[in-house]
Amino acid sequence: MAEEEEVNYASVVFKSNKQPPPEVKREEETVYDEVKKKGEATELTADTNAGVLPDRKASSRHRHYQQLAGCLGILCVILLLGLIVVCYFLATLSCESDKKELNQLKENSTTLQAANDNLTNRNVRLSLDNDNLRTERNDLTFQLGNLTQNYTVLERKITNLTTQNQQLETEKNNLTEQIQTMEKNQNELNVSRAQWIIDSYCPKDNGATVRTCKACQAGWVPNESSCYAINDAVPANQRTWEQARGDCGGKISDLVIVQDQQEKDFIDETFWFTAECWIGLRAEEGKWKWIDGTELTESSWIEAPVEGHCATSIKGHGWRSVMCDLQRQWICGMKALTI
């Protein structure tokens, strides 16, 4: 094998006669030159140094560039680390900000959900209120329809009542005129009746100028304080109990009312006929009652009452209960005139 070449390094310092400033001294460099040696040491000559100097300057610049590149690389590394730190910090800040924003969004979402639920509840309540209002409106519409119908009916009734009122007013006026006419006729009748009473109770006998007054009218039979008239009509002219009472009323009297036993005996024995005559006694509500509303106190005078029956008097046979719609003769009675 070939023997390896031995490389020795020698340092050469270039000095200037002039004194450079401190900055320049700092920039002084040491240039190393390679010296190859084969076998024996090679002596350095001036020419050799002259050829090596440019190479050393180039090598010095090369190293300077390398150092500059290394500084730039270190600076880049530092900048890269700074960027990484800044990015991490920004990422951390961004993450925290995102967390805060997320929490805020969650809170906002919760708030919005609560607001949405509240709005939903309010919407439900409003819907219920709306349904209630719609129902009430329908009810009011129905009631309004009924009120309208009732108002129409009332208007018709008012119109009818107004018409009836006018008719009643006309009838009232007519009745007033009739009453006035009747009062006039009544007055005339009262005068005529008074005259008739005077003529009946105080007649002028045989053209005499002085009247002779009696307790009973002509044709009436007196007894105590009463007067009696027998209506002994033939069968064709006899009447029912109601008709007989009407005839007595036309004579300002009524069917006879018997107050006691003495009056009963007088009626039963005075009139000399055997036909039945109506008296003022009728069966009502299971009792015998006189026409003035009083009840018969002497139950022995007649048999038990039967609804629809009236009492008759028969000379020598006492009283009998017969149907009121049969036709019989009748006895009228009235108070005697006090002289």
C-alpha atoms as a PDB file:
ATOM      1  CA  MET A   1       0.000   0.000   0.000  1.00  0.00           C
ATOM      2  CA  ALA A   2       1.129   3.550  -0.646  1.00  0.00           C
ATOM      3  CA  GLU A   3       2.146   5.378   2.360  1.00  0.00           C
ATOM      4  CA  GLU A   4      -0.416   7.927   3.459  1.00  0.00           C
ATOM      5  CA  GLU A   5       0.522  11.490   2.903  1.00  0.00           C
ATOM      6  CA  GLU A   6       1.091  13.463   6.035  1.00  0.00           C
ATOM      7  CA  VAL A   7      -0.643  16.849   6.195  1.00  0.00           C
ATOM      8  CA  ASN A   8       0.698  19.506   8.499  1.00  0.00           C
ATOM      9  CA  TYR A   9      -0.977  22.815   9.232  1.00  0.00           C
ATOM     10  CA  ALA A  10       0.839  26.076   9.706  1.00  0.00           C
ATOM     11  CA  SER A  11      -0.645  29.318  10.859  1.00  0.00           C
ATOM     12  CA  VAL A  12       0.290  32.607   9.190  1.00  0.00           C
ATOM     13  CA  VAL A  13      -0.533  35.966  10.703  1.00  0.00           C
ATOM     14  CA  PHE A  14      -0.505  39.003   8.459  1.00  0.00           C
ATOM     15  CA  LYS A  15       0.272  42.218  10.239  1.00  0.00           C
ATOM     16  CA  SER A  16       0.003  45.730   8.895  1.00  0.00           C
ATOM     17  CA  ASN A  17       2.368  48.549   9.754  1.00  0.00           C
ATOM     18  CA  LYS A  18      -0.519  50.792  10.498  1.00  0.00           C
ATOM     19  CA  GLN A  19      -2.371  50.370  13.797  1.00  0.00           C
ATOM     20  CA  PRO A  20      -5.911  49.407  12.966  1.00  0.00           C
ATOM     21  CA  PRO A  21      -8.788  50.442  15.192  1.00  0.00           C
ATOM     22  CA  PRO A  22     -10.074  48.016  17.787  1.00  0.00           C
ATOM     23  CA  GLU A  23     -12.839  46.961  15.494  1.00  0.00           C
ATOM     24  CA  VAL A  24     -10.310  46.022  12.838  1.00  0.00           C
ATOM     25  CA  LYS A  25      -8.203  44.059  15.270  1.00  0.00           C
ATOM     26  CA  ARG A  26     -11.231  42.113  16.209  1.00  0.00           C
ATOM     27  CA  GLU A  27     -11.638  41.286  12.585  1.00  0.00           C
ATOM     28  CA  GLU A  28      -8.141  39.949  12.208  1.00  0.00           C
ATOM     29  CA  GLU A  29      -8.219  36.353  11.172  1.00  0.00           C
ATOM     30  CA  THR A  30      -5.853  33.489  11.349  1.00  0.00           C
ATOM     31  CA  VAL A  31      -5.326  31.713   8.103  1.00  0.00           C
ATOM     32  CA  TYR A  32      -4.308  28.160   8.057  1.00  0.00           C
ATOM     33  CA  ASP A  33      -2.409  26.623   5.148  1.00  0.00           C
ATOM     34  CA  GLU A  34      -2.095  23.047   4.352  1.00  0.00           C
ATOM     35  CA  VAL A  35       1.423  21.832   3.838  1.00  0.00           C
ATOM     36  CA  LYS A  36       1.883  18.470   2.336  1.00  0.00           C
ATOM     37  CA  LYS A  37       5.003  16.606   3.197  1.00  0.00           C
ATOM     38  CA  LYS A  38       6.424  13.617   1.424  1.00  0.00           C
ATOM     39  CA  GLY A  39       9.205  11.900   3.004  1.00  0.00           C
ATOM     40  CA  GLU A  40      10.979  15.103   4.216  1.00  0.00           C
ATOM     41  CA  ALA A  41       9.792  18.413   5.419  1.00  0.00           C
ATOM     42  CA  THR A  42       9.299  21.022   2.723  1.00  0.00           C
ATOM     43  CA  GLU A  43      10.672  24.426   3.358  1.00  0.00           C
ATOM     44  CA  LEU A  44       8.446  27.427   2.965  1.00  0.00           C
ATOM     45  CA  THR A  45       9.575  30.003   0.599  1.00  0.00           C
ATOM     46  CA  ALA A  46       8.361  33.482  -0.193  1.00  0.00           C
ATOM     47  CA  ASP A  47       6.904  32.337  -3.467  1.00  0.00           C
ATOM     48  CA  THR A  48       4.980  29.631  -1.762  1.00  0.00           C
ATOM     49  CA  ASN A  49       3.547  32.120   0.740  1.00  0.00           C
ATOM     50  CA  ALA A  50       2.687  34.414  -2.104  1.00  0.00           C
ATOM     51  CA  GLY A  51       0.609  31.656  -3.739  1.00  0.00           C
ATOM     52  CA  VAL A  52      -1.090  30.581  -0.558  1.00  0.00           C
ATOM     53  CA  LEU A  53      -2.300  34.035   0.525  1.00  0.00           C
ATOM     54  CA  PRO A  54      -5.214  34.348  -1.927  1.00  0.00           C
ATOM     55  CA  ASP A  55      -6.370  30.883  -1.060  1.00  0.00           C
ATOM     56  CA  ARG A  56      -6.394  31.741   2.590  1.00  0.00           C
ATOM     57  CA  LYS A  57      -8.437  34.858   1.959  1.00  0.00           C
ATOM     58  CA  ALA A  58     -10.970  32.855   0.020  1.00  0.00           C
ATOM     59  CA  SER A  59     -11.032  30.245   2.738  1.00  0.00           C
ATOM     60  CA  SER A  60     -11.489  32.989   5.350  1.00  0.00           C
ATOM     61  CA  ARG A  61     -14.459  34.423   3.456  1.00  0.00           C
ATOM     62  CA  HIS A  62     -15.824  30.938   3.044  1.00  0.00           C
ATOM     63  CA  ARG A  63     -15.627  30.354   6.784  1.00  0.00           C
ATOM     64  CA  HIS A  64     -17.130  33.776   7.405  1.00  0.00           C
ATOM     65  CA  TYR A  65     -20.027  32.838   5.169  1.00  0.00           C
ATOM     66  CA  GLN A  66     -20.360  29.542   6.926  1.00  0.00           C
ATOM     67  CA  GLN A  67     -20.487  31.292  10.293  1.00  0.00           C
ATOM     68  CA  LEU A  68     -22.976  33.760   8.908  1.00  0.00           C
ATOM     69  CA  ALA A  69     -25.041  30.905   7.534  1.00  0.00           C
ATOM     70  CA  GLY A  70     -24.814  29.145  10.894  1.00  0.00           C
ATOM     71  CA  CYS A  71     -25.934  32.317  12.661  1.00  0.00           C
ATOM     72  CA  LEU A  72     -28.757  32.654  10.181  1.00  0.00           C
ATOM     73  CA  GLY A  73     -29.653  29.018  10.742  1.00  0.00           C
ATOM     74  CA  ILE A  74     -29.593  29.512  14.500  1.00  0.00           C
ATOM     75  CA  LEU A  75     -31.658  32.667  14.071  1.00  0.00           C
ATOM     76  CA  CYS A  76     -34.087  30.759  11.883  1.00  0.00           C
ATOM     77  CA  VAL A  77     -34.272  28.038  14.515  1.00  0.00           C
ATOM     78  CA  ILE A  78     -34.860  30.666  17.178  1.00  0.00           C
ATOM     79  CA  LEU A  79     -37.497  32.330  14.992  1.00  0.00           C
ATOM     80  CA  LEU A  80     -39.050  28.957  14.302  1.00  0.00           C
ATOM     81  CA  LEU A  81     -39.128  28.154  18.000  1.00  0.00           C
ATOM     82  CA  GLY A  82     -40.558  31.614  18.655  1.00  0.00           C
ATOM     83  CA  LEU A  83     -43.175  31.020  15.988  1.00  0.00           C
ATOM     84  CA  ILE A  84     -43.951  27.623  17.515  1.00  0.00           C
ATOM     85  CA  VAL A  85     -44.257  29.211  20.971  1.00  0.00           C
ATOM     86  CA  VAL A  86     -46.368  32.032  19.574  1.00  0.00           C
ATOM     87  CA  CYS A  87     -48.507  29.558  17.645  1.00  0.00           C
ATOM     88  CA  TYR A  88     -48.890  27.401  20.754  1.00  0.00           C
ATOM     89  CA  PHE A  89     -49.772  30.446  22.813  1.00  0.00           C
ATOM     90  CA  LEU A  90     -52.166  31.616  20.168  1.00  0.00           C
ATOM     91  CA  ALA A  91     -53.560  28.106  19.903  1.00  0.00           C
ATOM     92  CA  THR A  92     -53.942  28.019  23.693  1.00  0.00           C
ATOM     93  CA  LEU A  93     -55.578  31.409  23.663  1.00  0.00           C
ATOM     94  CA  SER A  94     -57.711  30.335  20.748  1.00  0.00           C
ATOM     95  CA  CYS A  95     -58.641  27.118  22.554  1.00  0.00           C
ATOM     96  CA  GLU A  96     -59.525  28.987  25.714  1.00  0.00           C
ATOM     97  CA  SER A  97     -61.384  31.541  23.636  1.00  0.00           C
ATOM     98  CA  ASP A  98     -63.123  28.715  21.831  1.00  0.00           C
ATOM     99  CA  LYS A  99     -63.962  27.131  25.179  1.00  0.00           C
ATOM    100  CA  LYS A 100     -65.285  30.433  26.440  1.00  0.00           C
ATOM    101  CA  GLU A 101     -67.196  30.927  23.231  1.00  0.00           C
ATOM    102  CA  LEU A 102     -68.450  27.346  23.458  1.00  0.00           C
ATOM    103  CA  ASN A 103     -69.533  27.888  27.050  1.00  0.00           C
ATOM    104  CA  GLN A 104     -71.074  31.199  26.047  1.00  0.00           C
ATOM    105  CA  LEU A 105     -72.771  29.478  23.141  1.00  0.00           C
ATOM    106  CA  LYS A 106     -73.990  26.767  25.513  1.00  0.00           C
ATOM    107  CA  GLU A 107     -75.283  29.428  27.905  1.00  0.00           C
ATOM    108  CA  ASN A 108     -76.823  31.316  25.012  1.00  0.00           C
ATOM    109  CA  SER A 109     -78.294  28.037  23.734  1.00  0.00           C
ATOM    110  CA  THR A 110     -79.713  27.294  27.199  1.00  0.00           C
ATOM    111  CA  THR A 111     -81.092  30.825  27.428  1.00  0.00           C
ATOM    112  CA  LEU A 112     -82.532  30.569  23.929  1.00  0.00           C
ATOM    113  CA  GLN A 113     -83.986  27.148  24.741  1.00  0.00           C
ATOM    114  CA  ALA A 114     -85.574  28.556  27.905  1.00  0.00           C
ATOM    115  CA  ALA A 115     -86.827  31.537  25.916  1.00  0.00           C
ATOM    116  CA  ASN A 116     -88.104  29.157  23.244  1.00  0.00           C
ATOM    117  CA  ASP A 117     -89.851  27.020  25.881  1.00  0.00           C
ATOM    118  CA  ASN A 118     -91.301  30.176  27.407  1.00  0.00           C
ATOM    119  CA  LEU A 119     -92.475  31.325  24.000  1.00  0.00           C
ATOM    120  CA  THR A 120     -93.883  27.854  23.337  1.00  0.00           C
ATOM    121  CA  ASN A 121     -95.785  27.945  26.637  1.00  0.00           C
ATOM    122  CA  ARG A 122     -96.998  31.435  25.884  1.00  0.00           C
ATOM    123  CA  ASN A 123     -98.001  30.281  22.430  1.00  0.00           C
ATOM    124  CA  VAL A 124     -99.932  27.371  23.964  1.00  0.00           C
ATOM    125  CA  ARG A 125    -101.601  29.730  26.451  1.00  0.00           C
ATOM    126  CA  LEU A 126    -102.352  32.182  23.685  1.00  0.00           C
ATOM    127  CA  SER A 127    -103.797  29.339  21.613  1.00  0.00           C
ATOM    128  CA  LEU A 128    -105.975  28.281  24.545  1.00  0.00           C
ATOM    129  CA  ASP A 129    -106.989  31.894  25.134  1.00  0.00           C
ATOM    130  CA  ASN A 130    -107.702  32.218  21.439  1.00  0.00           C
ATOM    131  CA  ASP A 131    -109.842  29.073  21.521  1.00  0.00           C
ATOM    132  CA  ASN A 132    -111.651  30.368  24.608  1.00  0.00           C
ATOM    133  CA  LEU A 133    -112.169  33.737  22.968  1.00  0.00           C
ATOM    134  CA  ARG A 134    -113.423  32.015  19.827  1.00  0.00           C
ATOM    135  CA  THR A 135    -115.832  29.940  21.931  1.00  0.00           C
ATOM    136  CA  GLU A 136    -116.970  33.038  23.822  1.00  0.00           C
ATOM    137  CA  ARG A 137    -117.361  34.877  20.533  1.00  0.00           C
ATOM    138  CA  ASN A 138    -119.480  32.029  19.173  1.00  0.00           C
ATOM    139  CA  ASP A 139    -121.543  32.038  22.383  1.00  0.00           C
ATOM    140  CA  LEU A 140    -121.927  35.811  22.187  1.00  0.00           C
ATOM    141  CA  THR A 141    -122.874  35.517  18.521  1.00  0.00           C
ATOM    142  CA  PHE A 142    -125.462  32.884  19.414  1.00  0.00           C
ATOM    143  CA  GLN A 143    -126.738  34.996  22.311  1.00  0.00           C
ATOM    144  CA  LEU A 144    -126.797  38.038  20.054  1.00  0.00           C
ATOM    145  CA  GLY A 145    -128.844  36.064  17.563  1.00  0.00           C
ATOM    146  CA  ASN A 146    -131.237  35.044  20.332  1.00  0.00           C
ATOM    147  CA  LEU A 147    -131.377  38.620  21.614  1.00  0.00           C
ATOM    148  CA  THR A 148    -132.063  39.829  18.087  1.00  0.00           C
ATOM    149  CA  GLN A 149    -134.871  37.309  17.744  1.00  0.00           C
ATOM    150  CA  ASN A 150    -136.198  38.220  21.185  1.00  0.00           C
ATOM    151  CA  TYR A 151    -135.952  41.892  20.290  1.00  0.00           C
ATOM    152  CA  THR A 152    -137.899  41.234  17.096  1.00  0.00           C
ATOM    153  CA  VAL A 153    -140.493  39.272  19.072  1.00  0.00           C
ATOM    154  CA  LEU A 154    -140.670  42.061  21.675  1.00  0.00           C
ATOM    155  CA  GLU A 155    -141.096  44.637  18.933  1.00  0.00           C
ATOM    156  CA  ARG A 156    -143.992  42.606  17.550  1.00  0.00           C
ATOM    157  CA  LYS A 157    -145.454  42.252  21.033  1.00  0.00           C
ATOM    158  CA  ILE A 158    -145.018  45.985  21.641  1.00  0.00           C
ATOM    159  CA  THR A 159    -146.745  46.683  18.332  1.00  0.00           C
ATOM    160  CA  ASN A 160    -149.531  44.254  19.244  1.00  0.00           C
ATOM    161  CA  LEU A 161    -149.799  45.731  22.743  1.00  0.00           C
ATOM    162  CA  THR A 162    -149.875  49.225  21.285  1.00  0.00           C
ATOM    163  CA  THR A 163    -152.675  48.141  18.982  1.00  0.00           C
ATOM    164  CA  GLN A 164    -154.453  46.397  21.857  1.00  0.00           C
ATOM    165  CA  ASN A 165    -153.924  49.470  24.040  1.00  0.00           C
ATOM    166  CA  GLN A 166    -155.508  51.630  21.382  1.00  0.00           C
ATOM    167  CA  GLN A 167    -158.370  49.155  21.115  1.00  0.00           C
ATOM    168  CA  LEU A 168    -158.713  49.082  24.905  1.00  0.00           C
ATOM    169  CA  GLU A 169    -158.607  52.851  24.970  1.00  0.00           C
ATOM    170  CA  THR A 170    -161.399  52.894  22.410  1.00  0.00           C
ATOM    171  CA  GLU A 171    -163.317  50.281  24.413  1.00  0.00           C
ATOM    172  CA  LYS A 172    -162.667  52.278  27.571  1.00  0.00           C
ATOM    173  CA  ASN A 173    -164.124  55.352  25.959  1.00  0.00           C
ATOM    174  CA  ASN A 174    -167.086  53.311  24.767  1.00  0.00           C
ATOM    175  CA  LEU A 175    -167.524  51.764  28.237  1.00  0.00           C
ATOM    176  CA  THR A 176    -167.253  55.209  29.801  1.00  0.00           C
ATOM    177  CA  GLU A 177    -170.013  56.404  27.537  1.00  0.00           C
ATOM    178  CA  GLN A 178    -172.021  53.277  28.339  1.00  0.00           C
ATOM    179  CA  ILE A 179    -171.446  53.777  32.075  1.00  0.00           C
ATOM    180  CA  GLN A 180    -172.520  57.364  31.816  1.00  0.00           C
ATOM    181  CA  THR A 181    -175.594  56.224  29.912  1.00  0.00           C
ATOM    182  CA  MET A 182    -176.211  53.464  32.457  1.00  0.00           C
ATOM    183  CA  GLU A 183    -175.748  55.871  35.339  1.00  0.00           C
ATOM    184  CA  LYS A 184    -178.245  58.154  33.717  1.00  0.00           C
ATOM    185  CA  ASN A 185    -180.598  55.259  33.176  1.00  0.00           C
ATOM    186  CA  GLN A 186    -179.878  54.033  36.726  1.00  0.00           C
ATOM    187  CA  ASN A 187    -180.741  57.399  38.126  1.00  0.00           C
ATOM    188  CA  GLU A 188    -183.904  57.413  36.107  1.00  0.00           C
ATOM    189  CA  LEU A 189    -184.527  53.806  37.182  1.00  0.00           C
ATOM    190  CA  ASN A 190    -183.877  54.683  40.809  1.00  0.00           C
ATOM    191  CA  VAL A 191    -186.359  57.480  40.530  1.00  0.00           C
ATOM    192  CA  SER A 192    -188.794  55.169  38.825  1.00  0.00           C
ATOM    193  CA  ARG A 193    -188.111  52.451  41.391  1.00  0.00           C
ATOM    194  CA  ALA A 194    -188.505  54.874  44.236  1.00  0.00           C
ATOM    195  CA  GLN A 195    -191.739  55.963  42.715  1.00  0.00           C
ATOM    196  CA  TRP A 196    -192.702  52.343  42.215  1.00  0.00           C
ATOM    197  CA  ILE A 197    -191.803  51.572  45.860  1.00  0.00           C
ATOM    198  CA  ILE A 198    -193.836  54.520  47.020  1.00  0.00           C
ATOM    199  CA  ASP A 199    -196.718  53.406  44.880  1.00  0.00           C
ATOM    200  CA  SER A 200    -196.299  49.821  46.091  1.00  0.00           C
ATOM    201  CA  TYR A 201    -195.993  50.555  49.806  1.00  0.00           C
ATOM    202  CA  CYS A 202    -198.137  53.681  49.941  1.00  0.00           C
ATOM    203  CA  PRO A 203    -200.869  53.348  47.277  1.00  0.00           C
ATOM    204  CA  LYS A 204    -203.714  55.770  46.694  1.00  0.00           C
ATOM    205  CA  ASP A 205    -206.813  53.671  47.166  1.00  0.00           C
ATOM    206  CA  ASN A 206    -209.913  54.519  45.056  1.00  0.00           C
ATOM    207  CA  GLY A 207    -208.597  57.896  43.899  1.00  0.00           C
ATOM    208  CA  ALA A 208    -207.889  59.173  47.385  1.00  0.00           C
ATOM    209  CA  THR A 209    -205.523  62.130  47.665  1.00  0.00           C
ATOM    210  CA  VAL A 210    -203.800  60.770  50.806  1.00  0.00           C
ATOM    211  CA  ARG A 211    -201.556  57.739  50.569  1.00  0.00           C
ATOM    212  CA  THR A 212    -201.881  54.866  53.044  1.00  0.00           C
ATOM    213  CA  CYS A 213    -198.508  53.146  53.641  1.00  0.00           C
ATOM    214  CA  LYS A 214    -198.139  49.456  54.530  1.00  0.00           C
ATOM    215  CA  ALA A 215    -195.218  47.279  55.674  1.00  0.00           C
ATOM    216  CA  CYS A 216    -195.417  45.052  52.592  1.00  0.00           C
ATOM    217  CA  GLN A 217    -196.243  45.682  48.967  1.00  0.00           C
ATOM    218  CA  ALA A 218    -199.666  44.844  47.606  1.00  0.00           C
ATOM    219  CA  GLY A 219    -199.930  41.057  47.140  1.00  0.00           C
ATOM    220  CA  TRP A 220    -197.181  40.295  49.708  1.00  0.00           C
ATOM    221  CA  VAL A 221    -197.970  38.570  53.006  1.00  0.00           C
ATOM    222  CA  PRO A 222    -196.384  40.216  56.089  1.00  0.00           C
ATOM    223  CA  ASN A 223    -194.936  38.319  59.060  1.00  0.00           C
ATOM    224  CA  GLU A 224    -192.888  39.951  61.776  1.00  0.00           C
ATOM    225  CA  SER A 225    -190.210  41.957  59.891  1.00  0.00           C
ATOM    226  CA  SER A 226    -190.503  40.093  56.593  1.00  0.00           C
ATOM    227  CA  CYS A 227    -192.746  39.993  53.583  1.00  0.00           C
ATOM    228  CA  TYR A 228    -193.483  36.917  51.444  1.00  0.00           C
ATOM    229  CA  ALA A 229    -194.858  36.412  47.938  1.00  0.00           C
ATOM    230  CA  ILE A 230    -196.072  33.064  46.615  1.00  0.00           C
ATOM    231  CA  ASN A 231    -195.649  32.422  42.922  1.00  0.00           C
ATOM    232  CA  ASP A 232    -198.223  29.693  42.289  1.00  0.00           C
ATOM    233  CA  ALA A 233    -197.571  29.482  38.592  1.00  0.00           C
ATOM    234  CA  VAL A 234    -199.212  26.774  36.530  1.00  0.00           C
ATOM    235  CA  PRO A 235    -196.911  23.877  35.534  1.00  0.00           C
ATOM    236  CA  ALA A 236    -196.174  25.408  32.127  1.00  0.00           C
ATOM    237  CA  ASN A 237    -194.824  28.572  33.806  1.00  0.00           C
ATOM    238  CA  GLN A 238    -192.929  26.963  36.679  1.00  0.00           C
ATOM    239  CA  ARG A 239    -189.133  27.444  36.888  1.00  0.00           C
ATOM    240  CA  THR A 240    -185.874  25.827  38.039  1.00  0.00           C
ATOM    241  CA  TRP A 241    -184.244  26.918  41.281  1.00  0.00           C
ATOM    242  CA  GLU A 242    -181.903  29.368  39.492  1.00  0.00           C
ATOM    243  CA  GLN A 243    -184.727  30.763  37.327  1.00  0.00           C
ATOM    244  CA  ALA A 244    -186.957  31.204  40.379  1.00  0.00           C
ATOM    245  CA  ARG A 245    -184.189  33.097  42.154  1.00  0.00           C
ATOM    246  CA  GLY A 246    -183.820  35.356  39.123  1.00  0.00           C
ATOM    247  CA  ASP A 247    -187.524  36.174  39.212  1.00  0.00           C
ATOM    248  CA  CYS A 248    -187.277  37.122  42.896  1.00  0.00           C
ATOM    249  CA  GLY A 249    -184.288  39.336  42.099  1.00  0.00           C
ATOM    250  CA  GLY A 250    -186.389  41.261  39.588  1.00  0.00           C
ATOM    251  CA  LYS A 251    -188.748  42.083  42.462  1.00  0.00           C
ATOM    252  CA  ILE A 252    -185.913  43.434  44.669  1.00  0.00           C
ATOM    253  CA  SER A 253    -186.073  40.270  46.766  1.00  0.00           C
ATOM    254  CA  ASP A 254    -184.670  36.698  46.849  1.00  0.00           C
ATOM    255  CA  LEU A 255    -185.811  33.194  47.579  1.00  0.00           C
ATOM    256  CA  VAL A 256    -187.039  33.056  51.150  1.00  0.00           C
ATOM    257  CA  ILE A 257    -184.555  32.454  54.006  1.00  0.00           C
ATOM    258  CA  VAL A 258    -185.978  30.897  57.174  1.00  0.00           C
ATOM    259  CA  GLN A 259    -184.383  32.187  60.388  1.00  0.00           C
ATOM    260  CA  ASP A 260    -186.158  30.112  63.085  1.00  0.00           C
ATOM    261  CA  GLN A 261    -188.880  27.535  63.820  1.00  0.00           C
ATOM    262  CA  GLN A 262    -191.637  30.162  64.108  1.00  0.00           C
ATOM    263  CA  GLU A 263    -190.904  31.434  60.588  1.00  0.00           C
ATOM    264  CA  LYS A 264    -190.750  27.876  59.284  1.00  0.00           C
ATOM    265  CA  ASP A 265    -194.148  27.057  60.778  1.00  0.00           C
ATOM    266  CA  PHE A 266    -195.611  30.254  59.317  1.00  0.00           C
ATOM    267  CA  ILE A 267    -194.429  29.398  55.800  1.00  0.00           C
ATOM    268  CA  ASP A 268    -195.510  25.744  56.036  1.00  0.00           C
ATOM    269  CA  GLU A 269    -199.043  26.560  57.300  1.00  0.00           C
ATOM    270  CA  THR A 270    -199.943  29.912  55.736  1.00  0.00           C
ATOM    271  CA  PHE A 271    -200.062  29.090  52.052  1.00  0.00           C
ATOM    272  CA  TRP A 272    -203.141  26.984  51.112  1.00  0.00           C
ATOM    273  CA  PHE A 273    -201.769  24.868  48.329  1.00  0.00           C
ATOM    274  CA  THR A 274    -200.088  21.535  48.187  1.00  0.00           C
ATOM    275  CA  ALA A 275    -197.561  22.137  45.321  1.00  0.00           C
ATOM    276  CA  GLU A 276    -193.807  22.256  46.067  1.00  0.00           C
ATOM    277  CA  CYS A 277    -192.206  25.694  46.269  1.00  0.00           C
ATOM    278  CA  TRP A 278    -188.498  26.556  46.016  1.00  0.00           C
ATOM    279  CA  ILE A 279    -186.904  28.206  49.053  1.00  0.00           C
ATOM    280  CA  GLY A 280    -183.423  29.741  49.349  1.00  0.00           C
ATOM    281  CA  LEU A 281    -181.612  26.567  50.516  1.00  0.00           C
ATOM    282  CA  ARG A 282    -179.108  24.534  48.404  1.00  0.00           C
ATOM    283  CA  ALA A 283    -176.627  21.663  48.989  1.00  0.00           C
ATOM    284  CA  GLU A 284    -173.020  22.867  48.609  1.00  0.00           C
ATOM    285  CA  GLU A 285    -169.805  20.990  49.516  1.00  0.00           C
ATOM    286  CA  GLY A 286    -171.749  18.358  51.426  1.00  0.00           C
ATOM    287  CA  LYS A 287    -173.672  20.940  53.483  1.00  0.00           C
ATOM    288  CA  TRP A 288    -177.012  22.780  53.291  1.00  0.00           C
ATOM    289  CA  LYS A 289    -176.371  26.501  52.789  1.00  0.00           C
ATOM    290  CA  TRP A 290    -178.709  29.499  52.511  1.00  0.00           C
ATOM    291  CA  ILE A 291    -178.322  31.929  49.655  1.00  0.00           C
ATOM    292  CA  ASP A 292    -176.592  34.447  51.993  1.00  0.00           C
ATOM    293  CA  GLY A 293    -173.778  31.877  52.615  1.00  0.00           C
ATOM    294  CA  THR A 294    -174.837  30.801  56.119  1.00  0.00           C
ATOM    295  CA  GLU A 295    -175.222  27.106  56.930  1.00  0.00           C
ATOM    296  CA  LEU A 296    -178.445  25.406  58.006  1.00  0.00           C
ATOM    297  CA  THR A 297    -178.184  24.809  61.758  1.00  0.00           C
ATOM    298  CA  GLU A 298    -181.274  22.623  62.135  1.00  0.00           C
ATOM    299  CA  SER A 299    -180.421  19.338  60.407  1.00  0.00           C
ATOM    300  CA  SER A 300    -183.790  17.871  61.441  1.00  0.00           C
ATOM    301  CA  TRP A 301    -185.669  20.208  59.070  1.00  0.00           C
ATOM    302  CA  ILE A 302    -184.537  18.289  55.938  1.00  0.00           C
ATOM    303  CA  GLU A 303    -182.783  15.084  54.907  1.00  0.00           C
ATOM    304  CA  ALA A 304    -179.016  14.844  54.359  1.00  0.00           C
ATOM    305  CA  PRO A 305    -177.690  17.095  51.567  1.00  0.00           C
ATOM    306  CA  VAL A 306    -176.929  15.690  48.107  1.00  0.00           C
ATOM    307  CA  GLU A 307    -174.760  17.630  45.673  1.00  0.00           C
ATOM    308  CA  GLY A 308    -176.910  19.260  42.977  1.00  0.00           C
ATOM    309  CA  HIS A 309    -180.067  19.261  45.120  1.00  0.00           C
ATOM    310  CA  CYS A 310    -182.123  22.210  46.397  1.00  0.00           C
ATOM    311  CA  ALA A 311    -184.823  22.448  49.075  1.00  0.00           C
ATOM    312  CA  THR A 312    -188.595  22.777  48.531  1.00  0.00           C
ATOM    313  CA  SER A 313    -191.422  23.437  50.996  1.00  0.00           C
ATOM    314  CA  ILE A 314    -194.639  21.400  50.855  1.00  0.00           C
ATOM    315  CA  LYS A 315    -197.650  22.412  52.965  1.00  0.00           C
ATOM    316  CA  GLY A 316    -198.300  19.818  55.651  1.00  0.00           C
ATOM    317  CA  HIS A 317    -195.239  17.734  54.616  1.00  0.00           C
ATOM    318  CA  GLY A 318    -192.282  19.934  55.549  1.00  0.00           C
ATOM    319  CA  TRP A 319    -189.148  20.305  53.364  1.00  0.00           C
ATOM    320  CA  ARG A 320    -187.767  17.951  50.726  1.00  0.00           C
ATOM    321  CA  SER A 321    -184.487  17.630  48.773  1.00  0.00           C
ATOM    322  CA  VAL A 322    -184.952  17.550  44.976  1.00  0.00           C
ATOM    323  CA  MET A 323    -182.733  18.217  41.943  1.00  0.00           C
ATOM    324  CA  CYS A 324    -182.236  21.936  41.337  1.00  0.00           C
ATOM    325  CA  ASP A 325    -182.990  21.732  37.577  1.00  0.00           C
ATOM    326  CA  LEU A 326    -186.561  20.563  38.145  1.00  0.00           C
ATOM    327  CA  GLN A 327    -189.346  23.095  37.594  1.00  0.00           C
ATOM    328  CA  ARG A 328    -191.359  24.141  40.642  1.00  0.00           C
ATOM    329  CA  GLN A 329    -193.283  27.082  42.099  1.00  0.00           C
ATOM    330  CA  TRP A 330    -191.311  29.416  44.398  1.00  0.00           C
ATOM    331  CA  ILE A 331    -191.592  31.760  47.411  1.00  0.00           C
ATOM    332  CA  CYS A 332    -189.831  35.154  47.473  1.00  0.00           C
ATOM    333  CA  GLY A 333    -189.028  37.031  50.666  1.00  0.00           C
ATOM    334  CA  MET A 334    -187.767  40.525  51.616  1.00  0.00           C
ATOM    335  CA  LYS A 335    -187.524  42.776  54.636  1.00  0.00           C
ATOM    336  CA  ALA A 336    -190.723  44.590  55.620  1.00  0.00           C
ATOM    337  CA  LEU A 337    -190.828  48.413  55.407  1.00  0.00           C
ATOM    338  CA  THR A 338    -190.529  50.069  58.805  1.00  0.00           C
ATOM    339  CA  ILE A 339    -193.390  52.576  59.211  1.00  0.00           C
END
